[in-house]
N, C-alpha and C. Protein backbone atom coordinates (compact mmCIF):
# COMPACT_ATOMS: atom_id res chain seq x y z
N UNK A 1 4.99 52.59 -52.75
CA UNK A 1 4.90 51.44 -53.65
C UNK A 1 3.56 50.96 -53.72
N UNK A 2 2.29 52.12 -53.33
CA UNK A 2 0.98 51.74 -53.79
C UNK A 2 0.57 51.80 -54.91
N UNK A 3 -0.14 50.45 -55.08
CA UNK A 3 -0.68 50.40 -56.83
C UNK A 3 -2.31 50.03 -56.35
N UNK A 4 -2.59 50.05 -57.39
CA UNK A 4 -4.19 49.93 -57.47
C UNK A 4 -4.31 48.46 -58.03
N UNK A 5 -4.81 47.56 -57.38
CA UNK A 5 -4.83 46.18 -57.70
C UNK A 5 -5.47 46.17 -59.28
N UNK A 6 -6.55 46.86 -59.50
CA UNK A 6 -7.13 47.02 -60.85
C UNK A 6 -6.33 47.04 -61.98
N UNK A 7 -5.42 47.55 -61.62
CA UNK A 7 -4.14 48.26 -62.67
C UNK A 7 -3.53 46.71 -62.81
N UNK A 8 -3.16 46.15 -62.17
CA UNK A 8 -2.49 44.97 -62.15
C UNK A 8 -3.09 43.82 -63.25
N UNK A 9 -4.43 43.82 -63.03
CA UNK A 9 -5.07 42.67 -63.72
C UNK A 9 -5.76 43.27 -64.90
N UNK A 10 -5.28 44.42 -65.04
CA UNK A 10 -5.84 44.95 -66.52
C UNK A 10 -5.00 44.62 -67.77
N UNK A 11 -3.66 44.37 -67.08
CA UNK A 11 -2.87 44.16 -68.27
C UNK A 11 -2.73 42.58 -68.80
N UNK A 12 -3.23 42.46 -69.63
CA UNK A 12 -3.52 41.13 -70.11
C UNK A 12 -2.34 40.18 -70.51
N UNK A 13 -1.29 41.02 -70.75
CA UNK A 13 -0.19 40.41 -71.33
C UNK A 13 0.66 39.60 -70.57
N UNK A 14 0.38 40.09 -69.20
CA UNK A 14 1.21 39.25 -68.26
C UNK A 14 0.74 37.77 -67.86
N UNK A 15 -0.40 37.75 -68.19
CA UNK A 15 -1.51 36.73 -67.95
C UNK A 15 -1.22 35.48 -68.89
N UNK A 16 -0.89 34.37 -68.40
CA UNK A 16 -0.50 33.31 -69.34
C UNK A 16 -2.00 32.29 -69.54
N UNK A 17 -1.97 31.69 -70.67
CA UNK A 17 -3.15 31.10 -70.93
C UNK A 17 -2.75 29.64 -70.43
N UNK A 18 -3.75 29.05 -70.01
CA UNK A 18 -3.40 27.56 -69.26
C UNK A 18 -3.37 26.62 -70.69
N UNK A 19 -2.58 25.58 -70.81
CA UNK A 19 -2.82 24.48 -71.77
C UNK A 19 -4.04 23.55 -71.48
N UNK A 20 -4.34 23.12 -72.82
CA UNK A 20 -5.51 22.19 -72.87
C UNK A 20 -5.55 21.25 -71.66
N UNK A 21 -4.58 20.48 -71.64
CA UNK A 21 -4.59 19.01 -70.63
C UNK A 21 -4.22 19.76 -69.17
N UNK A 22 -4.34 20.63 -68.61
CA UNK A 22 -3.82 21.22 -67.42
C UNK A 22 -4.63 20.68 -66.48
N UNK A 23 -5.76 20.05 -66.70
CA UNK A 23 -6.60 19.38 -65.45
C UNK A 23 -5.89 17.98 -65.44
N UNK A 24 -5.59 17.35 -66.17
CA UNK A 24 -5.03 16.06 -65.93
C UNK A 24 -3.81 15.91 -65.52
N UNK A 25 -2.92 17.05 -66.29
CA UNK A 25 -1.78 16.76 -65.32
C UNK A 25 -1.89 17.14 -63.57
N UNK A 26 -2.81 18.33 -63.26
CA UNK A 26 -2.84 18.62 -62.19
C UNK A 26 -3.48 17.27 -61.45
N UNK A 27 -4.32 16.45 -61.76
CA UNK A 27 -4.85 15.14 -61.28
C UNK A 27 -3.93 14.46 -61.05
N UNK A 28 -2.74 14.17 -62.16
CA UNK A 28 -1.80 13.21 -61.97
C UNK A 28 -0.65 13.45 -61.12
N UNK A 29 -0.51 14.89 -60.68
CA UNK A 29 0.47 15.43 -59.88
C UNK A 29 -0.05 15.08 -58.26
N UNK A 30 -1.47 15.17 -58.08
CA UNK A 30 -1.85 14.93 -56.90
C UNK A 30 -1.73 13.61 -56.55
N UNK A 31 -2.15 12.73 -57.48
CA UNK A 31 -2.25 11.23 -57.31
C UNK A 31 -0.66 10.90 -56.87
N UNK A 32 0.49 11.54 -57.29
CA UNK A 32 1.77 11.01 -57.16
C UNK A 32 2.19 11.44 -55.61
N UNK A 33 1.72 12.74 -55.22
CA UNK A 33 1.99 13.23 -53.96
C UNK A 33 1.13 12.24 -52.74
N UNK A 34 -0.16 11.81 -53.04
CA UNK A 34 -0.76 11.05 -52.17
C UNK A 34 0.22 9.72 -52.13
N UNK A 35 0.74 9.08 -53.36
CA UNK A 35 1.38 7.84 -53.42
C UNK A 35 2.61 7.90 -52.25
N UNK A 36 3.24 9.36 -52.21
CA UNK A 36 4.48 9.40 -51.71
C UNK A 36 4.14 9.72 -50.17
N UNK A 37 3.32 9.69 -49.72
CA UNK A 37 2.79 10.00 -48.35
C UNK A 37 2.51 8.82 -47.85
N UNK A 38 2.28 7.58 -48.21
CA UNK A 38 2.34 6.62 -47.39
C UNK A 38 3.41 5.92 -46.80
N UNK A 39 3.41 5.51 -45.52
CA UNK A 39 4.54 5.10 -44.92
C UNK A 39 4.93 3.73 -45.17
N UNK A 40 6.22 3.40 -45.80
CA UNK A 40 6.50 2.18 -46.04
C UNK A 40 6.77 1.20 -45.02
N UNK A 41 7.20 1.87 -43.52
CA UNK A 41 7.56 1.33 -42.55
C UNK A 41 6.58 1.62 -41.28
N UNK A 42 5.39 1.28 -41.60
CA UNK A 42 4.22 1.45 -40.47
C UNK A 42 4.20 0.36 -39.75
N UNK A 43 4.64 -0.81 -40.25
CA UNK A 43 4.62 -2.00 -39.42
C UNK A 43 5.68 -1.69 -38.23
N UNK A 44 6.71 -0.86 -38.39
CA UNK A 44 7.82 -0.94 -37.27
C UNK A 44 6.97 -0.17 -36.05
N UNK A 45 6.11 0.72 -36.24
CA UNK A 45 5.52 1.73 -35.37
C UNK A 45 4.55 0.47 -34.59
N UNK A 46 3.91 -0.33 -35.24
CA UNK A 46 2.80 -0.96 -34.56
C UNK A 46 3.76 -2.13 -33.67
N UNK A 47 4.74 -2.56 -34.37
CA UNK A 47 5.40 -3.47 -33.44
C UNK A 47 6.15 -2.97 -32.30
N UNK A 48 6.59 -1.50 -32.40
CA UNK A 48 7.41 -1.12 -31.22
C UNK A 48 5.84 -0.87 -30.10
N UNK A 49 5.13 -0.46 -30.73
CA UNK A 49 3.89 -0.58 -29.34
C UNK A 49 3.48 -1.75 -28.89
N UNK A 50 3.54 -2.86 -29.67
CA UNK A 50 3.33 -4.20 -29.13
C UNK A 50 4.61 -4.66 -28.12
N UNK A 51 5.68 -4.15 -28.56
CA UNK A 51 6.73 -4.53 -27.71
C UNK A 51 6.57 -3.74 -26.17
N UNK A 52 6.47 -2.48 -26.31
CA UNK A 52 6.27 -1.82 -25.38
C UNK A 52 4.97 -2.45 -24.30
N UNK A 53 3.80 -2.73 -25.01
CA UNK A 53 2.59 -3.37 -24.11
C UNK A 53 3.19 -4.64 -23.49
N UNK A 54 3.99 -5.17 -24.09
CA UNK A 54 3.98 -6.73 -23.82
C UNK A 54 5.25 -6.47 -22.69
N UNK A 55 5.99 -5.57 -22.62
CA UNK A 55 6.99 -5.25 -21.61
C UNK A 55 6.28 -4.76 -20.29
N UNK A 56 5.13 -3.95 -20.47
CA UNK A 56 4.93 -3.22 -19.04
C UNK A 56 3.91 -4.48 -18.65
N UNK A 57 3.23 -5.36 -19.45
CA UNK A 57 2.17 -6.28 -19.10
C UNK A 57 3.31 -7.30 -18.23
N UNK A 58 4.61 -7.81 -18.66
CA UNK A 58 5.40 -8.80 -17.96
C UNK A 58 5.83 -8.02 -16.74
N UNK A 59 6.00 -6.85 -16.62
CA UNK A 59 6.40 -6.40 -15.39
C UNK A 59 5.53 -6.16 -14.35
N UNK A 60 4.44 -5.98 -14.66
CA UNK A 60 2.96 -5.83 -13.82
C UNK A 60 3.25 -7.20 -12.89
N UNK A 61 3.02 -8.25 -14.09
CA UNK A 61 2.89 -9.89 -13.61
C UNK A 61 3.81 -10.13 -12.71
N UNK A 62 5.08 -9.87 -12.86
CA UNK A 62 6.29 -10.01 -11.91
C UNK A 62 5.99 -9.33 -10.84
N UNK A 63 5.66 -8.11 -10.63
CA UNK A 63 5.20 -7.23 -9.44
C UNK A 63 4.10 -8.02 -8.80
N UNK A 64 3.23 -8.48 -9.31
CA UNK A 64 2.11 -8.84 -8.40
C UNK A 64 2.73 -10.50 -8.10
N UNK A 65 3.35 -10.97 -8.71
CA UNK A 65 3.57 -12.23 -8.18
C UNK A 65 4.68 -12.35 -7.05
N UNK A 66 5.59 -11.20 -6.92
CA UNK A 66 6.40 -10.70 -5.87
C UNK A 66 5.68 -10.37 -4.62
N UNK A 67 4.70 -9.56 -5.05
CA UNK A 67 3.80 -9.29 -3.80
C UNK A 67 3.05 -10.44 -3.17
N UNK A 68 2.48 -11.43 -3.87
CA UNK A 68 1.85 -12.44 -3.42
C UNK A 68 2.67 -13.58 -2.98
N UNK A 69 3.90 -13.58 -2.67
CA UNK A 69 4.93 -14.45 -2.00
C UNK A 69 4.46 -14.66 -0.54
N UNK A 70 4.74 -15.54 -0.11
CA UNK A 70 4.63 -16.02 1.30
C UNK A 70 5.39 -15.78 2.09
N UNK A 71 6.54 -15.20 1.85
CA UNK A 71 7.49 -14.89 3.09
C UNK A 71 7.41 -13.79 3.21
N UNK A 72 7.24 -13.60 4.64
CA UNK A 72 6.94 -12.64 5.37
C UNK A 72 8.14 -11.45 5.44
N UNK A 73 7.75 -10.31 5.48
CA UNK A 73 8.73 -8.97 5.34
C UNK A 73 9.59 -9.14 6.68
N UNK A 74 10.97 -8.52 6.87
CA UNK A 74 11.63 -8.59 8.20
C UNK A 74 10.97 -7.96 9.32
N UNK A 75 10.09 -6.72 8.91
CA UNK A 75 9.28 -6.04 9.87
C UNK A 75 8.28 -7.19 10.76
N UNK A 76 7.46 -7.92 9.63
CA UNK A 76 6.57 -8.87 10.28
C UNK A 76 7.11 -9.78 10.99
N UNK A 77 8.27 -10.32 10.46
CA UNK A 77 8.95 -11.36 11.11
C UNK A 77 9.30 -10.82 12.69
N UNK A 78 9.84 -9.53 12.77
CA UNK A 78 10.21 -9.04 13.95
C UNK A 78 9.07 -8.76 15.14
N UNK A 79 7.78 -8.41 14.47
CA UNK A 79 6.64 -8.12 15.26
C UNK A 79 6.13 -9.43 15.99
N UNK A 80 6.15 -10.74 15.03
CA UNK A 80 5.57 -11.93 15.48
C UNK A 80 6.36 -12.44 16.35
N UNK A 81 7.82 -12.30 16.15
CA UNK A 81 8.63 -12.73 17.39
C UNK A 81 8.44 -12.02 18.76
N UNK A 82 8.14 -10.68 18.68
CA UNK A 82 7.95 -9.87 19.89
C UNK A 82 6.51 -10.01 20.59
N UNK A 83 5.84 -10.63 19.83
CA UNK A 83 4.49 -10.76 20.09
C UNK A 83 4.25 -12.37 20.67
N UNK A 84 5.07 -13.49 19.99
CA UNK A 84 5.24 -14.46 20.69
C UNK A 84 5.97 -14.42 22.27
N UNK A 85 6.97 -13.54 22.54
CA UNK A 85 7.62 -13.37 23.56
C UNK A 85 6.61 -12.72 24.44
N UNK A 86 5.91 -11.76 24.27
CA UNK A 86 4.86 -11.19 25.20
C UNK A 86 3.75 -11.81 25.50
N UNK A 87 3.26 -12.56 24.53
CA UNK A 87 2.04 -13.81 24.97
C UNK A 87 2.88 -14.41 25.90
N UNK A 88 3.80 -15.25 25.58
CA UNK A 88 4.33 -16.20 26.51
C UNK A 88 4.54 -15.56 28.11
N UNK A 89 5.15 -14.21 27.99
CA UNK A 89 5.08 -13.79 29.27
C UNK A 89 3.76 -13.48 30.24
N UNK A 90 2.71 -12.92 29.12
CA UNK A 90 1.36 -12.82 29.59
C UNK A 90 0.96 -14.09 30.29
N UNK A 91 1.07 -15.03 29.68
CA UNK A 91 0.39 -16.34 30.22
C UNK A 91 1.20 -16.60 31.36
N UNK A 92 2.58 -16.68 31.62
CA UNK A 92 3.25 -16.90 32.66
C UNK A 92 2.70 -16.05 33.98
N UNK A 93 2.53 -14.69 33.57
CA UNK A 93 2.06 -13.80 34.74
C UNK A 93 0.50 -14.11 35.03
N UNK A 94 -0.17 -14.82 33.76
CA UNK A 94 -1.37 -14.92 34.59
C UNK A 94 -1.66 -16.09 35.24
N UNK A 95 -1.02 -17.36 34.50
CA UNK A 95 -0.87 -18.45 35.66
C UNK A 95 -0.50 -18.27 37.32
N UNK A 96 0.65 -17.40 37.46
CA UNK A 96 1.37 -16.69 38.47
C UNK A 96 0.02 -16.12 39.39
N UNK A 97 -0.67 -15.18 38.73
CA UNK A 97 -1.61 -14.47 38.89
C UNK A 97 -2.64 -15.24 39.62
N UNK A 98 -3.30 -16.63 38.85
CA UNK A 98 -4.41 -17.44 39.38
C UNK A 98 -3.68 -18.09 40.59
N UNK A 99 -2.51 -18.34 40.64
CA UNK A 99 -1.99 -19.43 41.67
C UNK A 99 -1.96 -18.50 43.20
N UNK A 100 -1.80 -17.27 43.03
CA UNK A 100 -1.73 -16.24 44.16
C UNK A 100 -2.84 -15.86 44.65
N UNK A 101 -3.65 -15.57 43.61
CA UNK A 101 -5.28 -15.01 44.06
C UNK A 101 -5.98 -15.82 44.84
N UNK A 102 -6.66 -15.60 45.73
CA UNK A 102 -7.59 -16.09 46.60
C UNK A 102 -8.79 -15.93 46.20
N UNK A 103 -9.35 -14.82 45.46
CA UNK A 103 -10.66 -14.19 45.42
C UNK A 103 -11.14 -14.54 43.88
N UNK A 104 -12.12 -15.29 43.61
CA UNK A 104 -12.53 -15.65 42.36
C UNK A 104 -13.24 -14.40 41.73
N UNK A 105 -13.70 -13.54 42.53
CA UNK A 105 -14.24 -12.27 41.96
C UNK A 105 -13.21 -11.46 41.30
N UNK A 106 -12.14 -11.29 41.95
CA UNK A 106 -10.68 -10.51 41.42
C UNK A 106 -10.34 -11.12 40.00
N UNK A 107 -10.18 -12.59 40.27
CA UNK A 107 -9.83 -13.27 39.02
C UNK A 107 -10.88 -12.99 37.97
N UNK A 108 -11.88 -12.97 38.16
CA UNK A 108 -12.95 -12.75 36.93
C UNK A 108 -12.74 -11.42 36.30
N UNK A 109 -12.64 -10.37 37.41
CA UNK A 109 -12.44 -9.23 36.93
C UNK A 109 -11.61 -8.57 36.17
N UNK A 110 -10.24 -9.42 36.64
CA UNK A 110 -8.88 -9.19 35.61
C UNK A 110 -9.11 -10.28 34.37
N UNK A 111 -9.89 -11.16 34.17
CA UNK A 111 -9.98 -12.06 33.10
C UNK A 111 -10.59 -11.11 32.03
N UNK A 112 -11.68 -10.45 32.35
CA UNK A 112 -12.75 -9.54 31.54
C UNK A 112 -11.97 -8.57 31.08
N UNK A 113 -10.76 -8.07 32.00
CA UNK A 113 -10.05 -6.99 31.45
C UNK A 113 -9.14 -7.26 30.33
N UNK A 114 -8.32 -8.56 30.71
CA UNK A 114 -7.46 -8.91 29.63
C UNK A 114 -8.30 -9.48 28.47
N UNK A 115 -9.65 -9.95 28.62
CA UNK A 115 -10.35 -10.22 27.21
C UNK A 115 -10.80 -9.20 26.46
N UNK A 116 -10.78 -7.82 27.15
CA UNK A 116 -11.30 -6.51 26.34
C UNK A 116 -10.14 -6.02 25.81
N UNK A 117 -8.73 -6.31 26.29
CA UNK A 117 -7.57 -5.89 25.79
C UNK A 117 -7.11 -6.77 24.63
N UNK A 118 -7.62 -8.06 24.60
CA UNK A 118 -7.15 -9.20 23.72
C UNK A 118 -7.93 -8.83 22.54
N UNK A 119 -9.62 -8.26 22.62
CA UNK A 119 -10.15 -8.02 21.49
C UNK A 119 -9.67 -6.84 20.90
N UNK A 120 -9.36 -5.75 21.58
CA UNK A 120 -8.58 -4.49 21.08
C UNK A 120 -7.53 -5.04 20.10
N UNK A 121 -6.36 -5.91 20.79
CA UNK A 121 -5.33 -6.58 20.12
C UNK A 121 -5.75 -7.22 18.68
N UNK A 122 -6.60 -7.98 18.80
CA UNK A 122 -7.03 -8.39 17.45
C UNK A 122 -7.55 -7.51 16.56
N UNK A 123 -8.31 -6.44 16.84
CA UNK A 123 -8.82 -5.33 15.76
C UNK A 123 -7.28 -4.75 15.31
N UNK A 124 -6.49 -4.56 16.24
CA UNK A 124 -5.05 -3.78 15.72
C UNK A 124 -4.48 -4.68 14.91
N UNK A 125 -4.67 -6.13 15.17
CA UNK A 125 -3.60 -6.85 14.40
C UNK A 125 -4.40 -6.99 12.98
N UNK A 126 -5.52 -6.87 12.66
CA UNK A 126 -6.33 -6.88 11.52
C UNK A 126 -5.86 -5.31 10.69
N UNK A 127 -5.57 -4.32 11.28
CA UNK A 127 -5.03 -3.23 10.62
C UNK A 127 -3.62 -3.59 10.37
N UNK A 128 -2.98 -4.17 11.16
CA UNK A 128 -1.24 -4.45 10.95
C UNK A 128 -1.53 -5.40 9.78
N UNK A 129 -2.28 -6.16 9.33
CA UNK A 129 -1.98 -6.94 8.31
C UNK A 129 -2.45 -6.48 6.88
N UNK A 130 -3.49 -5.41 7.09
CA UNK A 130 -3.74 -4.55 6.13
C UNK A 130 -2.41 -3.50 5.93
N UNK A 131 -1.89 -3.41 6.61
CA UNK A 131 -0.73 -2.10 6.58
C UNK A 131 0.24 -2.49 7.53
N UNK A 132 1.27 -3.40 7.12
CA UNK A 132 2.37 -3.66 7.94
C UNK A 132 3.59 -2.74 8.11
N UNK A 133 3.57 -1.70 7.43
CA UNK A 133 4.57 -0.80 7.27
C UNK A 133 4.08 0.67 8.14
N UNK A 134 2.94 0.52 8.65
CA UNK A 134 2.52 1.62 9.53
C UNK A 134 2.77 1.76 10.70
N UNK A 135 3.53 2.55 11.27
CA UNK A 135 4.45 2.57 12.51
C UNK A 135 3.65 2.79 13.81
N UNK A 136 2.40 3.56 13.44
CA UNK A 136 1.35 3.66 14.36
C UNK A 136 0.78 2.32 14.90
N UNK A 137 0.62 1.53 14.06
CA UNK A 137 -0.23 0.19 14.20
C UNK A 137 0.85 -0.45 14.68
N UNK A 138 2.09 -0.69 14.46
CA UNK A 138 2.88 -1.48 15.25
C UNK A 138 3.17 -1.10 16.53
N UNK A 139 3.28 0.16 17.17
CA UNK A 139 3.31 0.73 18.25
C UNK A 139 1.97 0.66 19.18
N UNK A 140 0.91 0.31 18.50
CA UNK A 140 -0.37 0.08 19.05
C UNK A 140 -0.47 -1.45 19.59
N UNK A 141 0.14 -2.28 18.59
CA UNK A 141 0.19 -3.52 18.88
C UNK A 141 1.26 -3.79 20.29
N UNK A 142 2.24 -3.30 20.18
CA UNK A 142 3.33 -3.39 21.42
C UNK A 142 2.80 -2.90 22.50
N UNK A 143 2.24 -1.67 22.51
CA UNK A 143 1.51 -1.04 23.58
C UNK A 143 0.40 -2.01 24.26
N UNK A 144 -0.28 -2.63 23.48
CA UNK A 144 -1.52 -3.33 23.82
C UNK A 144 -0.74 -4.66 24.57
N UNK A 145 0.33 -5.24 24.11
CA UNK A 145 0.66 -6.19 24.89
C UNK A 145 1.49 -5.70 26.42
N UNK A 146 2.12 -4.61 26.10
CA UNK A 146 2.75 -4.18 27.26
C UNK A 146 1.91 -4.02 28.54
N UNK A 147 0.79 -3.22 28.13
CA UNK A 147 -0.24 -3.03 28.96
C UNK A 147 -0.92 -3.96 29.71
N UNK A 148 -1.03 -4.99 28.91
CA UNK A 148 -1.35 -6.59 29.52
C UNK A 148 -0.41 -6.96 30.71
N UNK A 149 0.56 -7.16 30.17
CA UNK A 149 1.72 -7.67 30.71
C UNK A 149 1.80 -6.86 32.18
N UNK A 150 1.78 -5.56 31.90
CA UNK A 150 1.86 -4.68 33.18
C UNK A 150 0.66 -4.82 34.23
N UNK A 151 -0.44 -4.77 33.80
CA UNK A 151 -1.74 -5.17 34.63
C UNK A 151 -1.37 -6.23 35.56
N UNK A 152 -0.93 -7.29 34.91
CA UNK A 152 -0.77 -8.62 35.67
C UNK A 152 0.33 -8.36 36.72
N UNK A 153 1.54 -7.92 36.39
CA UNK A 153 2.56 -7.48 37.01
C UNK A 153 2.01 -6.63 38.42
N UNK A 154 1.45 -5.59 38.23
CA UNK A 154 0.96 -4.87 38.95
C UNK A 154 -0.09 -5.48 40.04
N UNK A 155 -0.96 -6.23 39.59
CA UNK A 155 -1.94 -6.53 40.53
C UNK A 155 -1.38 -7.85 41.27
N UNK A 156 -0.05 -8.80 40.76
CA UNK A 156 0.51 -9.74 41.58
C UNK A 156 1.52 -8.91 42.45
N UNK A 157 1.85 -7.71 42.36
CA UNK A 157 2.75 -6.88 43.21
C UNK A 157 1.62 -6.61 44.58
N UNK A 158 0.69 -6.05 44.25
CA UNK A 158 -0.49 -5.64 45.05
C UNK A 158 -1.01 -6.88 45.82
N UNK A 159 -1.19 -7.92 45.14
CA UNK A 159 -1.34 -9.07 45.93
C UNK A 159 -0.28 -9.37 47.02
N UNK A 160 1.00 -9.41 46.58
CA UNK A 160 2.12 -9.79 47.30
C UNK A 160 2.21 -8.69 48.67
N UNK A 161 1.95 -7.81 48.29
CA UNK A 161 1.96 -6.58 49.68
C UNK A 161 0.79 -6.91 50.39
N UNK A 162 -0.32 -7.30 49.98
CA UNK A 162 -1.50 -7.61 50.89
C UNK A 162 -1.16 -8.53 51.58
N UNK A 163 -0.44 -10.11 51.29
CA UNK A 163 0.01 -10.85 51.64
C UNK A 163 1.04 -10.90 52.75
N UNK A 164 1.94 -10.27 52.75
CA UNK A 164 2.55 -9.33 53.77
C UNK A 164 2.15 -8.86 54.59
N UNK A 165 1.35 -7.93 54.49
CA UNK A 165 0.50 -7.13 55.68
C UNK A 165 -0.30 -8.11 56.62
N UNK A 166 -0.92 -8.99 55.55
CA UNK A 166 -1.70 -9.90 56.46
C UNK A 166 -0.71 -10.95 57.38
N UNK A 167 0.26 -11.15 56.89
CA UNK A 167 1.41 -12.16 57.71
C UNK A 167 1.92 -10.97 58.88
N UNK A 168 2.21 -9.93 58.68
CA UNK A 168 2.50 -9.08 59.67
C UNK A 168 1.50 -8.82 60.79
N UNK A 169 0.11 -8.67 60.23
CA UNK A 169 -0.77 -8.84 61.38
C UNK A 169 -1.08 -9.83 62.13
N UNK A 170 -1.08 -10.87 61.60
CA UNK A 170 -0.90 -12.27 62.03
C UNK A 170 0.13 -12.43 63.10
N UNK A 171 1.18 -12.12 62.88
CA UNK A 171 2.38 -12.02 63.75
C UNK A 171 2.47 -11.27 65.03
N UNK A 172 1.82 -10.02 64.71
CA UNK A 172 1.50 -9.11 65.94
C UNK A 172 0.32 -9.49 66.86
N UNK A 173 -0.63 -10.30 66.35
CA UNK A 173 -1.70 -10.65 67.02
C UNK A 173 -1.10 -11.64 67.96
């Protein structure tokens, strides 16, 4: 079915002549098409976008107001209660230590050691306030409190042992 293109256009019988007003008809058809393409419900799209934007905005405001509430989470409340118990025990043990210790140098040495641990505890507390759900920070807080309490108990046991040995030596002499 090979044909020469030149032969197709050589036959002028097949070619139609255009009417005289074909340009105006063509322009009118273009105008009608452009009028049909207008969206009669374009305002619905704008309204939908506005509703979505408002919904997202209100949800963000609700989330932020929920985050800014002053009620502590259950984890924070538990940590604060454990902290209060340990601090009360530490204070009790410290008072017992001061009552047992006769050496002011020893008391001052342990006061300094406890102050260093307290400074570490305050630094860890700042991290805890920034990220209350981090288990490593919570463990560090509890471990610091346990260390302070254990130091006081150990030194009191040591002082009691020394006092008992001194009493035995006094009785043997």
